[in-house]
Amino acid sequence: MQSSTAAKGSDRAPSALKLTGVALLLVGAGCFLLQAFKSDIPKPNVKPFASLGSLAADETLALIGSSGRIAIVSEIPDPKSPSEDAMVRSIKMVAAEVDGFKATLQSKGNFTYQPELKLVRPSNAMKTVWPAGEFLRLLQKHPSTTTIVAFCYLPGQLSPTERSLLQSRTGKLIIVGGVVPEVKPLVDQRVAHLAVSSMVPVPQPPDASPESPHAWVRRVYVVLKP
Protein backbone atom coordinates (compact mmCIF):
# COMPACT_ATOMS: atom_id res chain seq x y z
CA MET A 1 0.00 0.00 0.00
CA GLN A 2 2.74 2.43 0.96
CA SER A 3 4.75 1.66 -2.16
CA SER A 4 1.65 2.27 -4.30
CA THR A 5 1.03 5.66 -2.65
CA ALA A 6 4.65 6.63 -3.06
CA ALA A 7 4.51 5.71 -6.71
CA LYS A 8 1.46 7.92 -7.26
CA GLY A 9 3.20 10.78 -5.47
CA SER A 10 6.24 10.42 -7.68
CA ASP A 11 3.97 10.55 -10.76
CA ARG A 12 2.44 13.81 -9.61
CA ALA A 13 5.80 15.54 -9.11
CA PRO A 14 6.74 15.70 -12.83
CA SER A 15 3.20 16.86 -13.67
CA ALA A 16 3.43 19.67 -11.12
CA LEU A 17 6.80 20.69 -12.50
CA LYS A 18 5.38 20.74 -16.01
CA LEU A 19 2.44 22.93 -14.94
CA THR A 20 4.80 25.29 -13.15
CA GLY A 21 6.95 25.50 -16.24
CA VAL A 22 3.96 26.26 -18.45
CA ALA A 23 2.78 28.98 -16.04
CA LEU A 24 6.20 30.62 -16.03
CA LEU A 25 6.30 30.44 -19.82
CA LEU A 26 2.90 32.15 -20.09
CA VAL A 27 3.93 34.87 -17.64
CA GLY A 28 7.12 35.46 -19.59
CA ALA A 29 5.23 35.61 -22.88
CA GLY A 30 2.74 38.06 -21.38
CA CYS A 31 5.53 40.36 -20.20
CA PHE A 32 7.14 40.20 -23.64
CA LEU A 33 3.86 41.09 -25.38
CA LEU A 34 3.21 43.93 -22.92
CA GLN A 35 6.61 45.43 -23.62
CA ALA A 36 6.07 44.98 -27.35
CA PHE A 37 2.73 46.80 -27.25
CA LYS A 38 4.23 49.55 -25.09
CA SER A 39 7.03 50.06 -27.59
CA ASP A 40 4.44 50.51 -30.35
CA ILE A 41 2.84 53.49 -28.55
CA PRO A 42 4.45 56.63 -30.01
CA LYS A 43 5.95 59.03 -27.52
CA PRO A 44 4.34 62.47 -27.61
CA ASN A 45 6.26 65.25 -29.32
CA VAL A 46 6.82 67.81 -26.57
CA LYS A 47 8.93 70.21 -28.65
CA PRO A 48 6.03 72.45 -29.78
CA PHE A 49 4.88 72.86 -26.17
CA ALA A 50 8.39 73.60 -24.96
CA SER A 51 8.55 76.21 -27.73
CA LEU A 52 5.30 77.71 -26.43
CA GLY A 53 6.87 77.99 -22.98
CA SER A 54 9.92 79.64 -24.50
CA LEU A 55 7.77 82.22 -26.33
CA ALA A 56 5.94 82.99 -23.08
CA ALA A 57 9.30 83.44 -21.35
CA ASP A 58 10.52 85.92 -23.97
CA GLU A 59 7.34 87.94 -23.58
CA THR A 60 7.71 87.78 -19.79
CA LEU A 61 11.26 89.12 -20.02
CA ALA A 62 10.03 92.00 -22.16
CA LEU A 63 7.36 92.77 -19.55
CA ILE A 64 9.20 92.45 -16.22
CA GLY A 65 12.89 92.54 -17.06
CA SER A 66 15.57 89.96 -16.42
CA SER A 67 15.18 89.35 -12.68
CA GLY A 68 12.55 88.94 -10.03
CA ARG A 69 10.43 86.46 -8.10
CA ILE A 70 8.08 84.10 -9.99
CA ALA A 71 5.27 81.84 -8.81
CA ILE A 72 4.09 79.25 -11.34
CA VAL A 73 0.66 77.61 -11.39
CA SER A 74 0.18 74.52 -13.53
CA GLU A 75 -2.09 71.52 -13.89
CA ILE A 76 -1.56 67.82 -13.41
CA PRO A 77 -3.91 65.00 -14.42
CA ASP A 78 -6.04 63.15 -11.93
CA PRO A 79 -3.97 60.08 -10.93
CA LYS A 80 -7.16 58.01 -11.18
CA SER A 81 -7.59 58.85 -14.87
CA PRO A 82 -6.38 56.33 -17.50
CA SER A 83 -2.91 57.30 -18.70
CA GLU A 84 -3.95 56.84 -22.35
CA ASP A 85 -6.81 59.32 -22.03
CA ALA A 86 -6.47 62.20 -24.52
CA MET A 87 -7.16 64.83 -21.87
CA VAL A 88 -4.50 63.32 -19.58
CA ARG A 89 -1.93 63.40 -22.39
CA SER A 90 -2.85 67.01 -23.14
CA ILE A 91 -2.44 68.10 -19.52
CA LYS A 92 0.92 66.34 -19.32
CA MET A 93 2.14 68.67 -22.08
CA VAL A 94 1.82 71.54 -19.59
CA ALA A 95 4.96 70.23 -17.89
CA ALA A 96 6.83 70.68 -21.18
CA GLU A 97 5.56 74.26 -21.40
CA VAL A 98 6.79 74.99 -17.87
CA ASP A 99 10.17 73.41 -18.61
CA GLY A 100 10.57 75.48 -21.79
CA PHE A 101 9.56 78.61 -19.90
CA LYS A 102 12.08 78.05 -17.11
CA ALA A 103 14.89 77.07 -19.47
CA THR A 104 14.55 80.30 -21.44
CA LEU A 105 14.38 82.46 -18.32
CA GLN A 106 17.42 80.70 -16.88
CA SER A 107 19.42 81.38 -20.03
CA LYS A 108 18.45 85.04 -20.21
CA GLY A 109 17.78 86.20 -16.68
CA ASN A 110 18.13 85.67 -12.94
CA PHE A 111 14.87 84.64 -11.27
CA THR A 112 13.81 83.13 -7.97
CA TYR A 113 10.98 80.59 -8.11
CA GLN A 114 8.39 80.01 -5.42
CA PRO A 115 7.06 76.48 -4.81
CA GLU A 116 4.89 75.60 -7.79
CA LEU A 117 1.14 75.30 -7.27
CA LYS A 118 -0.12 72.21 -9.13
CA LEU A 119 -3.86 71.92 -9.60
CA VAL A 120 -5.36 68.49 -10.19
CA ARG A 121 -7.67 68.35 -13.21
CA PRO A 122 -10.51 65.92 -12.43
CA SER A 123 -11.10 63.30 -15.11
CA ASN A 124 -14.53 64.72 -16.03
CA ALA A 125 -13.46 68.40 -16.13
CA MET A 126 -12.89 70.20 -19.43
CA LYS A 127 -11.21 73.22 -17.81
CA THR A 128 -9.04 74.10 -14.83
CA VAL A 129 -10.66 73.41 -11.47
CA TRP A 130 -9.62 75.70 -8.61
CA PRO A 131 -10.51 74.46 -5.11
CA ALA A 132 -12.63 76.96 -3.22
CA GLY A 133 -10.50 79.83 -1.93
CA GLU A 134 -7.29 78.54 -3.58
CA PHE A 135 -6.80 81.52 -5.89
CA LEU A 136 -7.29 84.00 -3.05
CA ARG A 137 -4.77 82.06 -0.93
CA LEU A 138 -2.31 82.21 -3.83
CA LEU A 139 -2.60 86.01 -4.02
CA GLN A 140 -2.29 86.45 -0.27
CA LYS A 141 0.58 84.00 0.08
CA HIS A 142 3.07 85.75 -2.18
CA PRO A 143 4.46 89.29 -1.91
CA SER A 144 2.67 91.76 -4.17
CA THR A 145 5.86 92.11 -6.25
CA THR A 146 5.83 88.42 -7.27
CA THR A 147 5.00 87.67 -10.90
CA ILE A 148 2.38 84.92 -11.12
CA VAL A 149 2.47 82.79 -14.27
CA ALA A 150 -0.59 80.57 -14.70
CA PHE A 151 -0.30 77.76 -17.23
CA CYS A 152 -4.05 77.28 -16.91
CA TYR A 153 -7.34 79.15 -16.74
CA LEU A 154 -8.12 81.47 -13.85
CA PRO A 155 -11.21 80.75 -11.73
CA GLY A 156 -14.42 81.26 -13.70
CA GLN A 157 -15.71 83.97 -11.38
CA LEU A 158 -13.26 86.23 -9.56
CA SER A 159 -14.50 87.64 -6.28
CA PRO A 160 -14.36 91.40 -5.65
CA THR A 161 -11.54 90.74 -3.15
CA GLU A 162 -9.54 88.79 -5.73
CA ARG A 163 -10.02 91.48 -8.37
CA SER A 164 -8.99 94.18 -5.92
CA LEU A 165 -5.83 92.30 -4.97
CA LEU A 166 -4.94 91.66 -8.60
CA GLN A 167 -5.34 95.30 -9.56
CA SER A 168 -3.40 96.58 -6.54
CA ARG A 169 -0.39 94.26 -7.00
CA THR A 170 2.79 95.57 -8.60
CA GLY A 171 3.70 92.03 -9.64
CA LYS A 172 2.30 90.91 -12.98
CA LEU A 173 -0.19 88.14 -13.75
CA ILE A 174 0.60 86.17 -16.90
CA ILE A 175 -1.60 83.49 -18.46
CA VAL A 176 -0.15 80.82 -20.74
CA GLY A 177 -2.88 78.76 -22.37
CA GLY A 178 -6.61 78.97 -22.81
CA VAL A 179 -8.38 80.39 -25.84
CA VAL A 180 -8.48 84.02 -26.91
CA PRO A 181 -12.26 84.59 -26.47
CA GLU A 182 -12.07 83.56 -22.80
CA VAL A 183 -8.70 85.07 -21.87
CA LYS A 184 -8.76 88.38 -23.76
CA PRO A 185 -11.40 90.00 -21.49
CA LEU A 186 -9.11 89.46 -18.49
CA VAL A 187 -6.30 91.23 -20.34
CA ASP A 188 -8.58 94.04 -21.51
CA GLN A 189 -9.72 94.57 -17.89
CA ARG A 190 -6.06 94.58 -16.77
CA VAL A 191 -6.69 91.67 -14.46
CA ALA A 192 -3.95 89.88 -16.42
CA HIS A 193 -1.03 91.84 -17.83
CA LEU A 194 0.01 89.36 -20.53
CA ALA A 195 -1.37 86.20 -22.09
CA VAL A 196 -0.30 83.70 -24.71
CA SER A 197 -3.48 81.95 -25.83
CA SER A 198 -4.79 79.83 -28.66
CA MET A 199 -6.64 81.46 -31.51
CA VAL A 200 -10.19 80.33 -32.34
CA PRO A 201 -10.50 79.02 -34.94
CA VAL A 202 -6.90 77.90 -35.35
CA PRO A 203 -5.52 79.07 -38.71
CA GLN A 204 -4.67 76.29 -41.12
CA PRO A 205 -1.00 75.70 -42.00
CA PRO A 206 0.06 77.43 -45.23
CA ASP A 207 0.97 74.14 -46.92
CA ALA A 208 1.52 70.45 -46.26
CA SER A 209 5.25 70.78 -45.57
CA PRO A 210 6.54 69.87 -42.07
CA GLU A 211 6.12 72.66 -39.53
CA SER A 212 8.79 73.60 -37.02
CA PRO A 213 7.77 73.87 -33.33
CA HIS A 214 8.33 77.63 -33.49
CA ALA A 215 6.19 77.99 -36.63
CA TRP A 216 3.43 75.88 -35.05
CA VAL A 217 3.34 78.09 -31.96
CA ARG A 218 3.23 81.27 -34.03
CA ARG A 219 0.38 79.88 -36.12
CA VAL A 220 -1.74 78.57 -33.24
CA TYR A 221 -1.06 81.08 -30.44
CA VAL A 222 -1.23 84.84 -30.14
CA VAL A 223 0.26 87.22 -27.58
CA LEU A 224 -2.33 89.36 -25.78
CA LYS A 225 -1.46 92.65 -24.08
CA PRO A 226 -3.60 95.43 -22.56
C-alpha atoms as a PDB file:
ATOM      1  CA  MET A   1       0.000   0.000   0.000  1.00  0.00           C
ATOM      2  CA  GLN A   2       2.742   2.430   0.958  1.00  0.00           C
ATOM      3  CA  SER A   3       4.748   1.660  -2.157  1.00  0.00           C
ATOM      4  CA  SER A   4       1.647   2.271  -4.303  1.00  0.00           C
ATOM      5  CA  THR A   5       1.031   5.657  -2.648  1.00  0.00           C
ATOM      6  CA  ALA A   6       4.647   6.629  -3.061  1.00  0.00           C
ATOM      7  CA  ALA A   7       4.509   5.715  -6.714  1.00  0.00           C
ATOM      8  CA  LYS A   8       1.460   7.917  -7.261  1.00  0.00           C
ATOM      9  CA  GLY A   9       3.199  10.776  -5.470  1.00  0.00           C
ATOM     10  CA  SER A  10       6.235  10.416  -7.683  1.00  0.00           C
ATOM     11  CA  ASP A  11       3.974  10.552 -10.763  1.00  0.00           C
ATOM     12  CA  ARG A  12       2.439  13.811  -9.614  1.00  0.00           C
ATOM     13  CA  ALA A  13       5.803  15.539  -9.112  1.00  0.00           C
ATOM     14  CA  PRO A  14       6.744  15.702 -12.826  1.00  0.00           C
ATOM     15  CA  SER A  15       3.199  16.864 -13.670  1.00  0.00           C
ATOM     16  CA  ALA A  16       3.431  19.665 -11.120  1.00  0.00           C
ATOM     17  CA  LEU A  17       6.796  20.692 -12.497  1.00  0.00           C
ATOM     18  CA  LYS A  18       5.376  20.737 -16.006  1.00  0.00           C
ATOM     19  CA  LEU A  19       2.438  22.935 -14.937  1.00  0.00           C
ATOM     20  CA  THR A  20       4.804  25.292 -13.151  1.00  0.00           C
ATOM     21  CA  GLY A  21       6.954  25.497 -16.241  1.00  0.00           C
ATOM     22  CA  VAL A  22       3.958  26.258 -18.454  1.00  0.00           C
ATOM     23  CA  ALA A  23       2.779  28.975 -16.044  1.00  0.00           C
ATOM     24  CA  LEU A  24       6.196  30.616 -16.030  1.00  0.00           C
ATOM     25  CA  LEU A  25       6.301  30.441 -19.816  1.00  0.00           C
ATOM     26  CA  LEU A  26       2.904  32.152 -20.087  1.00  0.00           C
ATOM     27  CA  VAL A  27       3.932  34.867 -17.638  1.00  0.00           C
ATOM     28  CA  GLY A  28       7.125  35.463 -19.588  1.00  0.00           C
ATOM     29  CA  ALA A  29       5.230  35.608 -22.876  1.00  0.00           C
ATOM     30  CA  GLY A  30       2.737  38.064 -21.380  1.00  0.00           C
ATOM     31  CA  CYS A  31       5.526  40.362 -20.200  1.00  0.00           C
ATOM     32  CA  PHE A  32       7.137  40.205 -23.635  1.00  0.00           C
ATOM     33  CA  LEU A  33       3.863  41.093 -25.380  1.00  0.00           C
ATOM     34  CA  LEU A  34       3.212  43.932 -22.921  1.00  0.00           C
ATOM     35  CA  GLN A  35       6.606  45.432 -23.621  1.00  0.00           C
ATOM     36  CA  ALA A  36       6.074  44.976 -27.353  1.00  0.00           C
ATOM     37  CA  PHE A  37       2.734  46.796 -27.248  1.00  0.00           C
ATOM     38  CA  LYS A  38       4.230  49.549 -25.094  1.00  0.00           C
ATOM     39  CA  SER A  39       7.030  50.060 -27.590  1.00  0.00           C
ATOM     40  CA  ASP A  40       4.436  50.512 -30.353  1.00  0.00           C
ATOM     41  CA  ILE A  41       2.842  53.490 -28.548  1.00  0.00           C
ATOM     42  CA  PRO A  42       4.449  56.634 -30.014  1.00  0.00           C
ATOM     43  CA  LYS A  43       5.950  59.035 -27.521  1.00  0.00           C
ATOM     44  CA  PRO A  44       4.339  62.472 -27.612  1.00  0.00           C
ATOM     45  CA  ASN A  45       6.257  65.249 -29.324  1.00  0.00           C
ATOM     46  CA  VAL A  46       6.820  67.813 -26.572  1.00  0.00           C
ATOM     47  CA  LYS A  47       8.931  70.207 -28.654  1.00  0.00           C
ATOM     48  CA  PRO A  48       6.026  72.452 -29.775  1.00  0.00           C
ATOM     49  CA  PHE A  49       4.878  72.860 -26.171  1.00  0.00           C
ATOM     50  CA  ALA A  50       8.393  73.602 -24.961  1.00  0.00           C
ATOM     51  CA  SER A  51       8.554  76.211 -27.732  1.00  0.00           C
ATOM     52  CA  LEU A  52       5.296  77.712 -26.428  1.00  0.00           C
ATOM     53  CA  GLY A  53       6.867  77.994 -22.979  1.00  0.00           C
ATOM     54  CA  SER A  54       9.916  79.644 -24.497  1.00  0.00           C
ATOM     55  CA  LEU A  55       7.769  82.217 -26.327  1.00  0.00           C
ATOM     56  CA  ALA A  56       5.943  82.993 -23.078  1.00  0.00           C
ATOM     57  CA  ALA A  57       9.297  83.442 -21.352  1.00  0.00           C
ATOM     58  CA  ASP A  58      10.524  85.916 -23.970  1.00  0.00           C
ATOM     59  CA  GLU A  59       7.335  87.937 -23.583  1.00  0.00           C
ATOM     60  CA  THR A  60       7.712  87.775 -19.792  1.00  0.00           C
ATOM     61  CA  LEU A  61      11.262  89.119 -20.016  1.00  0.00           C
ATOM     62  CA  ALA A  62      10.034  92.005 -22.159  1.00  0.00           C
ATOM     63  CA  LEU A  63       7.359  92.772 -19.554  1.00  0.00           C
ATOM     64  CA  ILE A  64       9.196  92.455 -16.224  1.00  0.00           C
ATOM     65  CA  GLY A  65      12.891  92.542 -17.063  1.00  0.00           C
ATOM     66  CA  SER A  66      15.573  89.961 -16.417  1.00  0.00           C
ATOM     67  CA  SER A  67      15.183  89.351 -12.683  1.00  0.00           C
ATOM     68  CA  GLY A  68      12.546  88.938 -10.028  1.00  0.00           C
ATOM     69  CA  ARG A  69      10.431  86.460  -8.104  1.00  0.00           C
ATOM     70  CA  ILE A  70       8.083  84.104  -9.988  1.00  0.00           C
ATOM     71  CA  ALA A  71       5.269  81.836  -8.809  1.00  0.00           C
ATOM     72  CA  ILE A  72       4.086  79.245 -11.337  1.00  0.00           C
ATOM     73  CA  VAL A  73       0.658  77.611 -11.390  1.00  0.00           C
ATOM     74  CA  SER A  74       0.184  74.519 -13.534  1.00  0.00           C
ATOM     75  CA  GLU A  75      -2.095  71.522 -13.892  1.00  0.00           C
ATOM     76  CA  ILE A  76      -1.557  67.816 -13.415  1.00  0.00           C
ATOM     77  CA  PRO A  77      -3.912  65.005 -14.425  1.00  0.00           C
ATOM     78  CA  ASP A  78      -6.040  63.149 -11.932  1.00  0.00           C
ATOM     79  CA  PRO A  79      -3.973  60.077 -10.930  1.00  0.00           C
ATOM     80  CA  LYS A  80      -7.162  58.013 -11.183  1.00  0.00           C
ATOM     81  CA  SER A  81      -7.588  58.849 -14.875  1.00  0.00           C
ATOM     82  CA  PRO A  82      -6.377  56.330 -17.499  1.00  0.00           C
ATOM     83  CA  SER A  83      -2.915  57.297 -18.702  1.00  0.00           C
ATOM     84  CA  GLU A  84      -3.952  56.839 -22.351  1.00  0.00           C
ATOM     85  CA  ASP A  85      -6.811  59.325 -22.031  1.00  0.00           C
ATOM     86  CA  ALA A  86      -6.469  62.198 -24.517  1.00  0.00           C
ATOM     87  CA  MET A  87      -7.163  64.833 -21.867  1.00  0.00           C
ATOM     88  CA  VAL A  88      -4.496  63.316 -19.584  1.00  0.00           C
ATOM     89  CA  ARG A  89      -1.934  63.402 -22.395  1.00  0.00           C
ATOM     90  CA  SER A  90      -2.854  67.009 -23.137  1.00  0.00           C
ATOM     91  CA  ILE A  91      -2.445  68.100 -19.524  1.00  0.00           C
ATOM     92  CA  LYS A  92       0.925  66.344 -19.324  1.00  0.00           C
ATOM     93  CA  MET A  93       2.136  68.671 -22.076  1.00  0.00           C
ATOM     94  CA  VAL A  94       1.824  71.536 -19.586  1.00  0.00           C
ATOM     95  CA  ALA A  95       4.961  70.227 -17.894  1.00  0.00           C
ATOM     96  CA  ALA A  96       6.829  70.682 -21.183  1.00  0.00           C
ATOM     97  CA  GLU A  97       5.558  74.265 -21.396  1.00  0.00           C
ATOM     98  CA  VAL A  98       6.787  74.992 -17.868  1.00  0.00           C
ATOM     99  CA  ASP A  99      10.174  73.410 -18.610  1.00  0.00           C
ATOM    100  CA  GLY A 100      10.570  75.480 -21.790  1.00  0.00           C
ATOM    101  CA  PHE A 101       9.564  78.608 -19.904  1.00  0.00           C
ATOM    102  CA  LYS A 102      12.081  78.048 -17.112  1.00  0.00           C
ATOM    103  CA  ALA A 103      14.894  77.068 -19.472  1.00  0.00           C
ATOM    104  CA  THR A 104      14.549  80.302 -21.445  1.00  0.00           C
ATOM    105  CA  LEU A 105      14.376  82.459 -18.324  1.00  0.00           C
ATOM    106  CA  GLN A 106      17.417  80.705 -16.878  1.00  0.00           C
ATOM    107  CA  SER A 107      19.420  81.376 -20.026  1.00  0.00           C
ATOM    108  CA  LYS A 108      18.454  85.040 -20.211  1.00  0.00           C
ATOM    109  CA  GLY A 109      17.781  86.199 -16.677  1.00  0.00           C
ATOM    110  CA  ASN A 110      18.132  85.668 -12.944  1.00  0.00           C
ATOM    111  CA  PHE A 111      14.869  84.637 -11.269  1.00  0.00           C
ATOM    112  CA  THR A 112      13.810  83.128  -7.969  1.00  0.00           C
ATOM    113  CA  TYR A 113      10.983  80.587  -8.106  1.00  0.00           C
ATOM    114  CA  GLN A 114       8.392  80.012  -5.424  1.00  0.00           C
ATOM    115  CA  PRO A 115       7.062  76.480  -4.808  1.00  0.00           C
ATOM    116  CA  GLU A 116       4.887  75.604  -7.786  1.00  0.00           C
ATOM    117  CA  LEU A 117       1.144  75.298  -7.267  1.00  0.00           C
ATOM    118  CA  LYS A 118      -0.123  72.208  -9.131  1.00  0.00           C
ATOM    119  CA  LEU A 119      -3.857  71.923  -9.597  1.00  0.00           C
ATOM    120  CA  VAL A 120      -5.356  68.486 -10.187  1.00  0.00           C
ATOM    121  CA  ARG A 121      -7.665  68.352 -13.208  1.00  0.00           C
ATOM    122  CA  PRO A 122     -10.512  65.918 -12.434  1.00  0.00           C
ATOM    123  CA  SER A 123     -11.098  63.300 -15.111  1.00  0.00           C
ATOM    124  CA  ASN A 124     -14.525  64.722 -16.033  1.00  0.00           C
ATOM    125  CA  ALA A 125     -13.462  68.398 -16.132  1.00  0.00           C
ATOM    126  CA  MET A 126     -12.890  70.201 -19.427  1.00  0.00           C
ATOM    127  CA  LYS A 127     -11.210  73.224 -17.807  1.00  0.00           C
ATOM    128  CA  THR A 128      -9.043  74.103 -14.826  1.00  0.00           C
ATOM    129  CA  VAL A 129     -10.665  73.410 -11.470  1.00  0.00           C
ATOM    130  CA  TRP A 130      -9.623  75.703  -8.613  1.00  0.00           C
ATOM    131  CA  PRO A 131     -10.515  74.462  -5.114  1.00  0.00           C
ATOM    132  CA  ALA A 132     -12.634  76.962  -3.220  1.00  0.00           C
ATOM    133  CA  GLY A 133     -10.500  79.835  -1.935  1.00  0.00           C
ATOM    134  CA  GLU A 134      -7.294  78.542  -3.583  1.00  0.00           C
ATOM    135  CA  PHE A 135      -6.802  81.524  -5.886  1.00  0.00           C
ATOM    136  CA  LEU A 136      -7.287  84.002  -3.045  1.00  0.00           C
ATOM    137  CA  ARG A 137      -4.774  82.061  -0.926  1.00  0.00           C
ATOM    138  CA  LEU A 138      -2.309  82.214  -3.829  1.00  0.00           C
ATOM    139  CA  LEU A 139      -2.604  86.011  -4.024  1.00  0.00           C
ATOM    140  CA  GLN A 140      -2.294  86.449  -0.267  1.00  0.00           C
ATOM    141  CA  LYS A 141       0.577  83.996   0.079  1.00  0.00           C
ATOM    142  CA  HIS A 142       3.070  85.754  -2.181  1.00  0.00           C
ATOM    143  CA  PRO A 143       4.456  89.290  -1.915  1.00  0.00           C
ATOM    144  CA  SER A 144       2.673  91.755  -4.171  1.00  0.00           C
ATOM    145  CA  THR A 145       5.859  92.111  -6.249  1.00  0.00           C
ATOM    146  CA  THR A 146       5.831  88.424  -7.274  1.00  0.00           C
ATOM    147  CA  THR A 147       5.002  87.668 -10.905  1.00  0.00           C
ATOM    148  CA  ILE A 148       2.377  84.924 -11.120  1.00  0.00           C
ATOM    149  CA  VAL A 149       2.468  82.789 -14.265  1.00  0.00           C
ATOM    150  CA  ALA A 150      -0.589  80.569 -14.698  1.00  0.00           C
ATOM    151  CA  PHE A 151      -0.301  77.755 -17.233  1.00  0.00           C
ATOM    152  CA  CYS A 152      -4.053  77.284 -16.913  1.00  0.00           C
ATOM    153  CA  TYR A 153      -7.343  79.154 -16.741  1.00  0.00           C
ATOM    154  CA  LEU A 154      -8.115  81.470 -13.851  1.00  0.00           C
ATOM    155  CA  PRO A 155     -11.210  80.753 -11.732  1.00  0.00           C
ATOM    156  CA  GLY A 156     -14.421  81.263 -13.699  1.00  0.00           C
ATOM    157  CA  GLN A 157     -15.710  83.973 -11.383  1.00  0.00           C
ATOM    158  CA  LEU A 158     -13.265  86.232  -9.560  1.00  0.00           C
ATOM    159  CA  SER A 159     -14.502  87.640  -6.279  1.00  0.00           C
ATOM    160  CA  PRO A 160     -14.363  91.400  -5.646  1.00  0.00           C
ATOM    161  CA  THR A 161     -11.536  90.741  -3.151  1.00  0.00           C
ATOM    162  CA  GLU A 162      -9.536  88.791  -5.728  1.00  0.00           C
ATOM    163  CA  ARG A 163     -10.022  91.478  -8.374  1.00  0.00           C
ATOM    164  CA  SER A 164      -8.995  94.184  -5.922  1.00  0.00           C
ATOM    165  CA  LEU A 165      -5.829  92.303  -4.966  1.00  0.00           C
ATOM    166  CA  LEU A 166      -4.938  91.663  -8.600  1.00  0.00           C
ATOM    167  CA  GLN A 167      -5.345  95.299  -9.556  1.00  0.00           C
ATOM    168  CA  SER A 168      -3.397  96.578  -6.544  1.00  0.00           C
ATOM    169  CA  ARG A 169      -0.393  94.263  -6.999  1.00  0.00           C
ATOM    170  CA  THR A 170       2.787  95.569  -8.598  1.00  0.00           C
ATOM    171  CA  GLY A 171       3.702  92.032  -9.642  1.00  0.00           C
ATOM    172  CA  LYS A 172       2.295  90.909 -12.977  1.00  0.00           C
ATOM    173  CA  LEU A 173      -0.189  88.144 -13.749  1.00  0.00           C
ATOM    174  CA  ILE A 174       0.596  86.173 -16.897  1.00  0.00           C
ATOM    175  CA  ILE A 175      -1.601  83.491 -18.462  1.00  0.00           C
ATOM    176  CA  VAL A 176      -0.151  80.820 -20.738  1.00  0.00           C
ATOM    177  CA  GLY A 177      -2.880  78.760 -22.369  1.00  0.00           C
ATOM    178  CA  GLY A 178      -6.610  78.969 -22.807  1.00  0.00           C
ATOM    179  CA  VAL A 179      -8.378  80.386 -25.842  1.00  0.00           C
ATOM    180  CA  VAL A 180      -8.485  84.024 -26.905  1.00  0.00           C
ATOM    181  CA  PRO A 181     -12.263  84.594 -26.466  1.00  0.00           C
ATOM    182  CA  GLU A 182     -12.065  83.561 -22.804  1.00  0.00           C
ATOM    183  CA  VAL A 183      -8.699  85.066 -21.873  1.00  0.00           C
ATOM    184  CA  LYS A 184      -8.756  88.377 -23.757  1.00  0.00           C
ATOM    185  CA  PRO A 185     -11.403  89.998 -21.490  1.00  0.00           C
ATOM    186  CA  LEU A 186      -9.109  89.459 -18.494  1.00  0.00           C
ATOM    187  CA  VAL A 187      -6.296  91.231 -20.337  1.00  0.00           C
ATOM    188  CA  ASP A 188      -8.580  94.039 -21.507  1.00  0.00           C
ATOM    189  CA  GLN A 189      -9.721  94.567 -17.895  1.00  0.00           C
ATOM    190  CA  ARG A 190      -6.061  94.580 -16.774  1.00  0.00           C
ATOM    191  CA  VAL A 191      -6.688  91.671 -14.457  1.00  0.00           C
ATOM    192  CA  ALA A 192      -3.954  89.883 -16.419  1.00  0.00           C
ATOM    193  CA  HIS A 193      -1.028  91.841 -17.830  1.00  0.00           C
ATOM    194  CA  LEU A 194       0.012  89.364 -20.533  1.00  0.00           C
ATOM    195  CA  ALA A 195      -1.370  86.197 -22.086  1.00  0.00           C
ATOM    196  CA  VAL A 196      -0.301  83.696 -24.713  1.00  0.00           C
ATOM    197  CA  SER A 197      -3.480  81.949 -25.829  1.00  0.00           C
ATOM    198  CA  SER A 198      -4.792  79.831 -28.661  1.00  0.00           C
ATOM    199  CA  MET A 199      -6.645  81.459 -31.511  1.00  0.00           C
ATOM    200  CA  VAL A 200     -10.190  80.333 -32.341  1.00  0.00           C
ATOM    201  CA  PRO A 201     -10.500  79.018 -34.938  1.00  0.00           C
ATOM    202  CA  VAL A 202      -6.905  77.897 -35.346  1.00  0.00           C
ATOM    203  CA  PRO A 203      -5.525  79.071 -38.710  1.00  0.00           C
ATOM    204  CA  GLN A 204      -4.671  76.295 -41.123  1.00  0.00           C
ATOM    205  CA  PRO A 205      -1.004  75.700 -42.003  1.00  0.00           C
ATOM    206  CA  PRO A 206       0.065  77.435 -45.228  1.00  0.00           C
ATOM    207  CA  ASP A 207       0.969  74.143 -46.916  1.00  0.00           C
ATOM    208  CA  ALA A 208       1.522  70.447 -46.259  1.00  0.00           C
ATOM    209  CA  SER A 209       5.254  70.782 -45.565  1.00  0.00           C
ATOM    210  CA  PRO A 210       6.539  69.869 -42.068  1.00  0.00           C
ATOM    211  CA  GLU A 211       6.122  72.661 -39.534  1.00  0.00           C
ATOM    212  CA  SER A 212       8.792  73.603 -37.017  1.00  0.00           C
ATOM    213  CA  PRO A 213       7.774  73.872 -33.333  1.00  0.00           C
ATOM    214  CA  HIS A 214       8.327  77.633 -33.488  1.00  0.00           C
ATOM    215  CA  ALA A 215       6.188  77.990 -36.626  1.00  0.00           C
ATOM    216  CA  TRP A 216       3.427  75.878 -35.055  1.00  0.00           C
ATOM    217  CA  VAL A 217       3.343  78.090 -31.962  1.00  0.00           C
ATOM    218  CA  ARG A 218       3.233  81.269 -34.030  1.00  0.00           C
ATOM    219  CA  ARG A 219       0.378  79.881 -36.120  1.00  0.00           C
ATOM    220  CA  VAL A 220      -1.737  78.566 -33.244  1.00  0.00           C
ATOM    221  CA  TYR A 221      -1.062  81.077 -30.440  1.00  0.00           C
ATOM    222  CA  VAL A 222      -1.226  84.838 -30.141  1.00  0.00           C
ATOM    223  CA  VAL A 223       0.260  87.220 -27.577  1.00  0.00           C
ATOM    224  CA  LEU A 224      -2.327  89.359 -25.783  1.00  0.00           C
ATOM    225  CA  LYS A 225      -1.464  92.651 -24.082  1.00  0.00           C
ATOM    226  CA  PRO A 226      -3.600  95.431 -22.565  1.00  0.00           C
END
